[in-house]
Amino acid sequence: MKYLVVLGDGMADRPIEELGGKTPLEYADTPTMDAYSKMSEIGMVHTIPDGMKPGSDTANLSVLGYDPKKYYSGRSPLEALSIGVDMKTTDIALRCNIVTVSTDDLPYEQKTIIDHSSSEISTEDAAILLDAVRKELETDVYKFYVGTSYRHLTIWDKGEVVELTPPHDVLGQTIGQYLPKDDVLREMMKRSYDILADHPINRQRIKEGLNPANSIWFWGAGTRPMLSSFEEKTGHKGAMISAVDLLKGIAVGAQMKVIEVEGANGGLETNYEGKAKAAVDALLNGGCDFAYIHLEAPDEMGHQGSVERKVKAIENLDKRIIKNVVEELEKAGVDFRMLVLPDHPTPIVLRTHTGDPVPYMLYDSTDKKNNTWNYNEKDAGASGNYIAEGHTIIDHLFAK
């Protein structure tokens, strides 16, 4: 038996008037998911433990079977694992986004955060900008490391886990009240604007109609993570397919195989077919019996507040990943169990995460159901199936 999780990050949503009162998942043209849902168990699962912030970090740990209340030590330390930073026990990792703040003449504290991803900036451009920041701000205490796209890393030697606000939680708002209380972190963010605002890359981006990547933004502080081996924990050898450092970092910490897919970038125009092929290869030829395919695009489009692009991301997941994977596994004649779900909702109306339960679909090629429902929030809620503790859903997949 082969096992796989197909996770559409932030795919769940709320009914949207523009879509006739449907959610993007309900509205999207998803023939593959709708066909397989009629042969599957569907229901709702609560991936975010009560009292914890709804993030892709806590939610994906849950889906992989790691109770966030036990294993979570912060988001950035997981990304540090992916980047290859060997954290000391006294280190604090911080996410260092390169964001867009308003280009008015107001003091930094009175500026507005426009875009948490700087128009989904390329890693190549972001690396040049981060290098400019590094030359001015890096010390023996604060070190900067390049990640992917707008997502980068700062290591704070002998630091502390301070309260910091994710930039995607305050889009369109004045930033003053959300800046770090720590004087040094706050001053570095302010100075980064002076360094980046008139950088040649940003002058060119503005000419091209793109948002300038004109400030760093610290958030997600945490200590070195201590995850147990996924294989020892579950008895299954797993592979992670994702463009996002967070997911790759979780996999590194869990001693899973990390598969890099050329052209996978965490955006809407990612390499969907490459991800599907990587998962099939891992399951059929790579010595793995479990694959985790993570797609960031629905979440990014939710943060952007784009209904049309979120629907498109869901349709791409259906037609360019799930369809390819199931067709190849069926062609190979292998038995498999497939779990499809989001990690958390990213409602268009909010442009940030919530901790609401999410719909899941569990298909077993050896035990096909006979139902009438489609895969969406409404039908999953009506099914009556509910998993209260998200970290147990992996056992459900493995039929334990």
Protein backbone atom coordinates (compact mmCIF):
# COMPACT_ATOMS: atom_id res chain seq x y z
CA MET A 1 0.00 0.00 0.00
CA LYS A 2 1.19 3.50 -0.88
CA TYR A 3 0.07 6.61 1.00
CA LEU A 4 -0.03 10.27 0.07
CA VAL A 5 -1.20 13.61 1.38
CA VAL A 6 -2.12 16.33 -1.13
CA LEU A 7 -2.30 19.57 0.80
CA GLY A 8 -3.66 22.80 -0.71
CA ASP A 9 -2.32 25.42 1.68
CA GLY A 10 -5.06 27.82 2.81
CA MET A 11 -7.51 26.25 0.35
CA ALA A 12 -10.53 26.39 2.69
CA ASP A 13 -12.57 29.59 2.76
CA ARG A 14 -15.95 31.13 3.51
CA PRO A 15 -18.93 31.67 1.17
CA ILE A 16 -18.27 34.61 -1.16
CA GLU A 17 -21.06 36.73 -2.65
CA GLU A 18 -19.08 37.17 -5.87
CA LEU A 19 -19.20 33.37 -6.31
CA GLY A 20 -22.92 33.12 -5.71
CA GLY A 21 -22.53 32.33 -2.04
CA LYS A 22 -20.09 29.50 -2.67
CA THR A 23 -16.56 29.07 -1.36
CA PRO A 24 -13.68 28.98 -3.88
CA LEU A 25 -13.39 25.21 -3.29
CA GLU A 26 -17.11 24.77 -3.90
CA TYR A 27 -17.10 27.04 -6.98
CA ALA A 28 -13.92 25.76 -8.65
CA ASP A 29 -14.10 23.26 -11.52
CA THR A 30 -12.56 20.22 -9.82
CA PRO A 31 -13.65 17.10 -11.72
CA THR A 32 -10.97 14.86 -10.23
CA MET A 33 -11.69 15.69 -6.59
CA ASP A 34 -15.44 15.51 -7.18
CA ALA A 35 -15.16 12.10 -8.86
CA TYR A 36 -12.98 10.63 -6.11
CA SER A 37 -14.97 12.23 -3.27
CA LYS A 38 -17.91 10.05 -4.25
CA MET A 39 -15.71 7.01 -3.54
CA SER A 40 -14.16 8.49 -0.39
CA GLU A 41 -14.76 9.36 3.21
CA ILE A 42 -15.08 13.11 3.64
CA GLY A 43 -15.38 15.17 6.80
CA MET A 44 -13.91 18.01 8.81
CA VAL A 45 -10.68 18.08 10.81
CA HIS A 46 -9.50 20.64 13.35
CA THR A 47 -5.79 21.06 12.58
CA ILE A 48 -5.07 24.01 14.92
CA PRO A 49 -5.06 23.15 18.64
CA ASP A 50 -7.18 25.45 20.78
CA GLY A 51 -5.17 28.40 22.04
CA MET A 52 -2.53 28.23 19.29
CA LYS A 53 -2.17 30.68 16.41
CA PRO A 54 -3.45 29.44 13.04
CA GLY A 55 -0.34 29.11 10.91
CA SER A 56 1.01 26.78 8.26
CA ASP A 57 3.64 25.75 10.81
CA THR A 58 1.29 24.41 13.49
CA ALA A 59 -1.21 23.10 10.92
CA ASN A 60 1.26 21.11 8.81
CA LEU A 61 2.90 19.67 11.93
CA SER A 62 -0.60 18.46 12.87
CA VAL A 63 -1.27 16.89 9.48
CA LEU A 64 2.07 15.05 9.67
CA GLY A 65 1.13 13.66 13.08
CA TYR A 66 3.17 15.96 15.32
CA ASP A 67 1.04 17.48 18.07
CA PRO A 68 1.98 21.21 17.92
CA LYS A 69 1.46 21.54 21.65
CA LYS A 70 4.32 19.11 22.12
CA TYR A 71 6.60 19.77 19.14
CA TYR A 72 6.14 23.41 18.10
CA SER A 73 9.01 25.76 18.98
CA GLY A 74 8.39 28.51 16.43
CA ARG A 75 8.10 28.82 12.66
CA SER A 76 11.50 30.22 11.76
CA PRO A 77 13.53 27.43 13.38
CA LEU A 78 11.83 24.96 11.03
CA GLU A 79 12.82 27.13 8.07
CA ALA A 80 16.37 27.28 9.42
CA LEU A 81 16.54 23.50 9.08
CA SER A 82 15.60 23.77 5.41
CA ILE A 83 18.14 26.50 4.70
CA GLY A 84 20.83 24.44 6.44
CA VAL A 85 21.47 26.72 9.42
CA ASP A 86 22.75 24.72 12.38
CA MET A 87 21.15 26.55 15.30
CA LYS A 88 22.77 26.61 18.72
CA THR A 89 20.56 26.04 21.74
CA THR A 90 21.00 29.74 22.59
CA ASP A 91 19.96 30.94 19.11
CA ILE A 92 16.62 32.47 18.25
CA ALA A 93 15.44 32.24 14.64
CA LEU A 94 13.29 34.99 13.12
CA ARG A 95 11.45 35.00 9.80
CA CYS A 96 12.77 37.97 7.82
CA ASN A 97 10.22 38.76 5.11
CA ILE A 98 11.01 41.30 2.43
CA VAL A 99 7.74 43.24 2.22
CA THR A 100 6.23 46.31 0.59
CA VAL A 101 5.35 49.29 2.75
CA SER A 102 3.87 52.50 1.40
CA THR A 103 6.29 54.82 -0.41
CA ASP A 104 4.86 58.07 1.00
CA ASP A 105 6.94 60.62 2.92
CA LEU A 106 5.43 59.68 6.27
CA PRO A 107 7.68 58.45 9.10
CA TYR A 108 8.28 54.69 9.00
CA GLU A 109 5.88 54.05 11.88
CA GLN A 110 3.06 55.74 9.96
CA LYS A 111 3.52 53.76 6.77
CA THR A 112 1.06 51.09 5.63
CA ILE A 113 1.94 47.51 4.76
CA ILE A 114 0.86 46.96 1.16
CA ASP A 115 2.11 43.48 0.25
CA HIS A 116 3.63 40.75 2.41
CA SER A 117 5.28 39.11 -0.63
CA SER A 118 6.49 42.14 -2.65
CA SER A 119 4.61 40.95 -5.74
CA GLU A 120 5.95 37.41 -5.16
CA ILE A 121 9.52 38.62 -5.66
CA SER A 122 11.98 36.15 -7.17
CA THR A 123 14.59 34.56 -4.95
CA GLU A 124 17.31 36.02 -7.18
CA ASP A 125 16.17 39.62 -6.72
CA ALA A 126 15.43 39.11 -3.03
CA ALA A 127 18.92 37.71 -2.45
CA ILE A 128 20.48 40.89 -3.86
CA LEU A 129 18.29 43.06 -1.66
CA LEU A 130 18.99 40.96 1.44
CA ASP A 131 22.71 41.24 0.71
CA ALA A 132 22.36 45.04 0.75
CA VAL A 133 20.65 44.77 4.14
CA ARG A 134 23.28 42.35 5.37
CA LYS A 135 26.15 44.70 4.52
CA GLU A 136 24.60 47.45 6.62
CA LEU A 137 22.95 45.59 9.47
CA GLU A 138 24.66 42.23 10.06
CA THR A 139 26.71 41.85 13.25
CA ASP A 140 28.06 38.99 15.34
CA VAL A 141 24.68 38.97 17.10
CA TYR A 142 22.34 39.18 14.07
CA LYS A 143 23.01 37.04 10.96
CA PHE A 144 20.92 37.04 7.76
CA TYR A 145 20.31 34.02 5.52
CA VAL A 146 18.63 33.80 2.11
CA GLY A 147 15.54 31.62 1.85
CA THR A 148 13.00 31.49 -0.99
CA SER A 149 11.18 34.38 -2.69
CA TYR A 150 10.23 36.89 0.02
CA ARG A 151 10.83 34.44 2.91
CA HIS A 152 14.23 34.77 4.59
CA LEU A 153 15.86 34.16 7.95
CA THR A 154 17.64 36.03 10.73
CA ILE A 155 19.46 34.28 13.57
CA TRP A 156 19.72 36.22 16.83
CA ASP A 157 22.57 34.98 19.03
CA LYS A 158 21.53 34.65 22.67
CA GLY A 159 18.20 36.24 21.77
CA GLU A 160 14.75 35.81 23.22
CA VAL A 161 11.39 34.71 21.86
CA VAL A 162 9.67 38.07 21.57
CA GLU A 163 6.11 38.74 20.46
CA LEU A 164 6.05 39.59 16.74
CA THR A 165 3.18 40.06 14.28
CA PRO A 166 3.00 38.26 10.90
CA PRO A 167 2.87 40.84 8.08
CA HIS A 168 -0.01 39.07 6.33
CA ASP A 169 -2.13 39.67 9.44
CA VAL A 170 -1.94 43.47 9.09
CA LEU A 171 -2.19 44.07 5.34
CA GLY A 172 -3.54 47.55 4.60
CA GLN A 173 -2.92 48.76 8.14
CA THR A 174 -0.56 51.35 9.60
CA ILE A 175 2.44 49.46 10.91
CA GLY A 176 3.45 51.45 14.01
CA GLN A 177 1.55 49.43 16.62
CA TYR A 178 2.74 46.15 15.07
CA LEU A 179 6.48 46.89 15.09
CA PRO A 180 8.66 44.91 17.52
CA LYS A 181 8.89 46.20 21.07
CA ASP A 182 12.57 45.22 21.00
CA ASP A 183 14.54 48.38 20.17
CA VAL A 184 17.19 46.72 18.01
CA LEU A 185 14.75 44.73 15.87
CA ARG A 186 12.53 47.77 15.39
CA GLU A 187 15.49 49.96 14.41
CA MET A 188 16.76 47.38 11.90
CA MET A 189 13.35 47.32 10.21
CA LYS A 190 13.33 51.11 10.00
CA ARG A 191 16.87 51.23 8.62
CA SER A 192 16.08 48.55 6.06
CA TYR A 193 13.60 50.93 4.41
CA ASP A 194 16.36 53.56 4.00
CA ILE A 195 18.62 50.88 2.49
CA LEU A 196 16.07 49.39 0.10
CA ALA A 197 13.66 52.18 -0.90
CA ASP A 198 15.90 53.58 -3.65
CA HIS A 199 17.76 50.37 -4.53
CA PRO A 200 18.19 49.91 -8.32
CA ILE A 201 16.15 46.69 -8.20
CA ASN A 202 13.24 48.52 -6.63
CA ARG A 203 13.46 51.41 -9.07
CA GLN A 204 13.19 48.84 -11.86
CA ARG A 205 10.32 47.00 -10.15
CA ILE A 206 8.32 50.22 -9.91
CA LYS A 207 8.92 50.88 -13.63
CA GLU A 208 7.55 47.40 -14.35
CA GLY A 209 4.44 47.97 -12.24
CA LEU A 210 5.60 45.65 -9.45
CA ASN A 211 5.55 46.41 -5.75
CA PRO A 212 8.96 47.50 -4.44
CA ALA A 213 10.55 45.16 -1.87
CA ASN A 214 11.42 48.03 0.43
CA SER A 215 11.48 46.75 4.01
CA ILE A 216 12.34 43.71 6.06
CA TRP A 217 9.77 42.43 8.55
CA PHE A 218 10.63 40.20 11.49
CA TRP A 219 8.18 37.61 12.84
CA GLY A 220 7.86 33.95 13.85
CA ALA A 221 10.55 33.84 16.55
CA GLY A 222 11.50 30.45 17.98
CA THR A 223 14.08 28.09 19.38
CA ARG A 224 15.77 25.07 17.83
CA PRO A 225 13.13 22.38 17.06
CA MET A 226 13.33 18.79 18.28
CA LEU A 227 11.20 16.58 16.04
CA SER A 228 11.24 12.81 16.24
CA SER A 229 11.85 10.70 13.13
CA PHE A 230 8.73 10.35 10.95
CA GLU A 231 9.73 6.81 9.98
CA GLU A 232 10.30 5.72 13.57
CA LYS A 233 7.06 7.41 14.63
CA THR A 234 4.81 6.01 11.89
CA GLY A 235 6.67 3.06 10.41
CA HIS A 236 6.56 4.71 6.98
CA LYS A 237 9.37 6.16 4.88
CA GLY A 238 8.24 9.58 3.67
CA ALA A 239 9.11 12.20 1.06
CA MET A 240 8.24 15.91 1.09
CA ILE A 241 7.52 17.82 -2.14
CA SER A 242 7.19 21.55 -1.49
CA ALA A 243 8.62 24.87 -2.66
CA VAL A 244 8.39 26.36 0.82
CA ASP A 245 11.26 26.34 3.33
CA LEU A 246 8.86 25.78 6.22
CA LEU A 247 7.65 22.44 4.85
CA LYS A 248 11.13 21.39 3.79
CA GLY A 249 12.37 22.29 7.26
CA ILE A 250 9.71 20.17 8.93
CA ALA A 251 10.78 17.30 6.67
CA VAL A 252 14.46 17.77 7.54
CA GLY A 253 13.61 17.77 11.24
CA ALA A 254 11.48 14.65 10.79
CA GLN A 255 14.26 12.96 8.77
CA MET A 256 12.06 12.64 5.69
CA LYS A 257 13.38 12.78 2.15
CA VAL A 258 13.16 16.30 0.69
CA ILE A 259 12.63 16.37 -3.08
CA GLU A 260 13.48 19.58 -4.92
CA VAL A 261 11.35 20.22 -8.02
CA GLU A 262 12.74 22.58 -10.62
CA GLY A 263 10.37 25.49 -11.22
CA ALA A 264 8.46 25.01 -7.95
CA ASN A 265 8.25 28.49 -6.46
CA GLY A 266 5.32 28.73 -4.04
CA GLY A 267 3.30 30.89 -6.45
CA LEU A 268 0.40 30.42 -8.83
CA GLU A 269 2.70 29.65 -11.76
CA THR A 270 4.54 26.81 -10.06
CA ASN A 271 5.55 23.47 -11.59
CA TYR A 272 2.41 21.46 -10.83
CA GLU A 273 3.26 18.58 -13.14
CA GLY A 274 6.78 18.38 -11.71
CA LYS A 275 5.39 18.02 -8.20
CA ALA A 276 3.03 15.25 -9.29
CA LYS A 277 5.85 13.40 -11.08
CA ALA A 278 8.16 13.75 -8.06
CA ALA A 279 5.56 12.18 -5.78
CA VAL A 280 4.88 9.29 -8.14
CA ASP A 281 8.61 8.64 -8.62
CA ALA A 282 9.16 8.67 -4.85
CA LEU A 283 6.37 6.14 -4.33
CA LEU A 284 7.12 3.82 -7.24
CA ASN A 285 10.89 4.07 -7.62
CA GLY A 286 12.28 6.07 -4.70
CA GLY A 287 11.92 3.60 -1.85
CA CYS A 288 9.15 5.62 -0.15
CA ASP A 289 5.67 4.46 0.76
CA PHE A 290 4.47 7.94 1.77
CA ALA A 291 4.57 11.24 -0.13
CA TYR A 292 3.43 14.69 1.00
CA ILE A 293 2.64 17.13 -1.81
CA HIS A 294 2.33 20.69 -0.55
CA LEU A 295 0.93 23.47 -2.75
CA GLU A 296 1.36 27.02 -1.45
CA ALA A 297 -0.60 28.83 -4.20
CA PRO A 298 -4.15 28.84 -2.69
CA ASP A 299 -2.80 30.43 0.49
CA GLU A 300 -0.85 33.09 -1.40
CA MET A 301 -3.91 33.99 -3.46
CA GLY A 302 -5.98 34.19 -0.27
CA HIS A 303 -3.48 36.64 1.22
CA GLN A 304 -3.67 38.67 -1.99
CA GLY A 305 -7.46 38.77 -1.70
CA SER A 306 -7.82 37.47 -5.25
CA VAL A 307 -10.93 35.34 -5.69
CA GLU A 308 -10.18 34.53 -9.32
CA ARG A 309 -6.58 33.47 -8.66
CA LYS A 310 -7.51 31.37 -5.63
CA VAL A 311 -10.10 29.50 -7.68
CA LYS A 312 -7.45 28.99 -10.38
CA ALA A 313 -4.96 27.62 -7.85
CA ILE A 314 -7.54 25.07 -6.64
CA GLU A 315 -8.36 24.06 -10.22
CA ASN A 316 -4.65 23.62 -10.96
CA LEU A 317 -4.27 21.42 -7.88
CA ASP A 318 -7.12 19.24 -9.11
CA LYS A 319 -6.24 18.96 -12.80
CA ARG A 320 -2.47 19.21 -12.77
CA ILE A 321 -1.48 17.42 -9.56
CA ILE A 322 -4.20 15.10 -8.23
CA LYS A 323 -5.32 13.90 -11.68
CA ASN A 324 -1.75 13.10 -12.73
CA VAL A 325 -0.90 11.32 -9.48
CA VAL A 326 -3.95 9.06 -9.35
CA GLU A 327 -3.71 8.20 -13.04
CA GLU A 328 -0.07 7.16 -12.69
CA LEU A 329 -0.64 5.13 -9.54
CA GLU A 330 -3.63 3.38 -11.10
CA LYS A 331 -1.62 2.70 -14.27
CA ALA A 332 1.12 1.15 -12.11
CA GLY A 333 -1.48 -1.11 -10.49
CA VAL A 334 -0.56 -0.21 -6.91
CA ASP A 335 -2.99 0.07 -4.02
CA PHE A 336 -2.99 3.50 -2.40
CA ARG A 337 -4.70 5.69 0.17
CA MET A 338 -4.86 9.42 -0.53
CA LEU A 339 -5.71 12.24 1.89
CA VAL A 340 -6.63 15.62 0.35
CA LEU A 341 -7.06 18.66 2.61
CA PRO A 342 -5.98 22.22 3.40
CA ASP A 343 -3.86 22.96 6.45
CA HIS A 344 -6.05 25.91 7.52
CA PRO A 345 -8.50 28.36 5.90
CA THR A 346 -7.23 31.61 4.38
CA PRO A 347 -10.51 33.44 3.77
CA ILE A 348 -10.47 35.98 0.95
CA VAL A 349 -12.47 38.43 3.06
CA LEU A 350 -9.80 38.39 5.82
CA ARG A 351 -6.62 37.84 3.75
CA THR A 352 -5.14 35.91 6.66
CA HIS A 353 -5.45 32.52 8.40
CA THR A 354 -8.16 31.28 10.71
CA GLY A 355 -8.22 28.26 13.00
CA ASP A 356 -11.55 26.89 11.75
CA PRO A 357 -11.82 23.18 10.90
CA VAL A 358 -11.02 22.23 7.29
CA PRO A 359 -12.56 19.65 4.93
CA TYR A 360 -10.70 16.40 4.24
CA MET A 361 -11.17 13.64 1.69
CA LEU A 362 -9.74 10.16 2.29
CA TYR A 363 -9.72 7.78 -0.68
CA ASP A 364 -8.75 4.11 -0.50
CA SER A 365 -8.33 2.30 -3.82
CA THR A 366 -9.13 -1.01 -2.09
CA ASP A 367 -12.26 0.22 -0.29
CA LYS A 368 -14.25 2.50 -2.60
CA LYS A 369 -17.31 4.16 -1.10
CA ASN A 370 -20.55 4.96 -2.89
CA ASN A 371 -21.59 8.50 -1.98
CA THR A 372 -23.18 11.54 -3.65
CA TRP A 373 -21.11 14.34 -2.14
CA ASN A 374 -18.48 16.58 -3.69
CA TYR A 375 -15.32 17.68 -1.94
CA ASN A 376 -15.96 21.08 -0.34
CA GLU A 377 -16.60 22.67 3.04
CA LYS A 378 -20.39 22.35 2.81
CA ASP A 379 -20.56 18.65 1.95
CA ALA A 380 -17.73 17.76 4.33
CA GLY A 381 -19.54 19.51 7.16
CA ALA A 382 -22.79 17.73 6.30
CA SER A 383 -21.11 14.31 6.35
CA GLY A 384 -21.03 14.20 10.14
CA ASN A 385 -17.42 13.02 10.17
CA TYR A 386 -15.25 15.14 12.46
CA ILE A 387 -11.68 14.70 13.72
CA ALA A 388 -11.14 16.96 16.71
CA GLU A 389 -7.39 16.44 17.10
CA GLY A 390 -5.64 17.18 13.81
CA HIS A 391 -2.45 15.32 14.69
CA THR A 392 -4.40 12.04 14.67
CA ILE A 393 -5.48 12.30 11.02
CA ILE A 394 -2.20 10.74 9.86
CA ASP A 395 -3.14 7.60 11.80
CA HIS A 396 -6.48 7.73 10.00
CA LEU A 397 -4.60 7.77 6.67
CA PHE A 398 -2.45 4.83 7.73
CA ALA A 399 -5.61 3.05 9.00
CA LYS A 400 -4.24 2.63 12.50
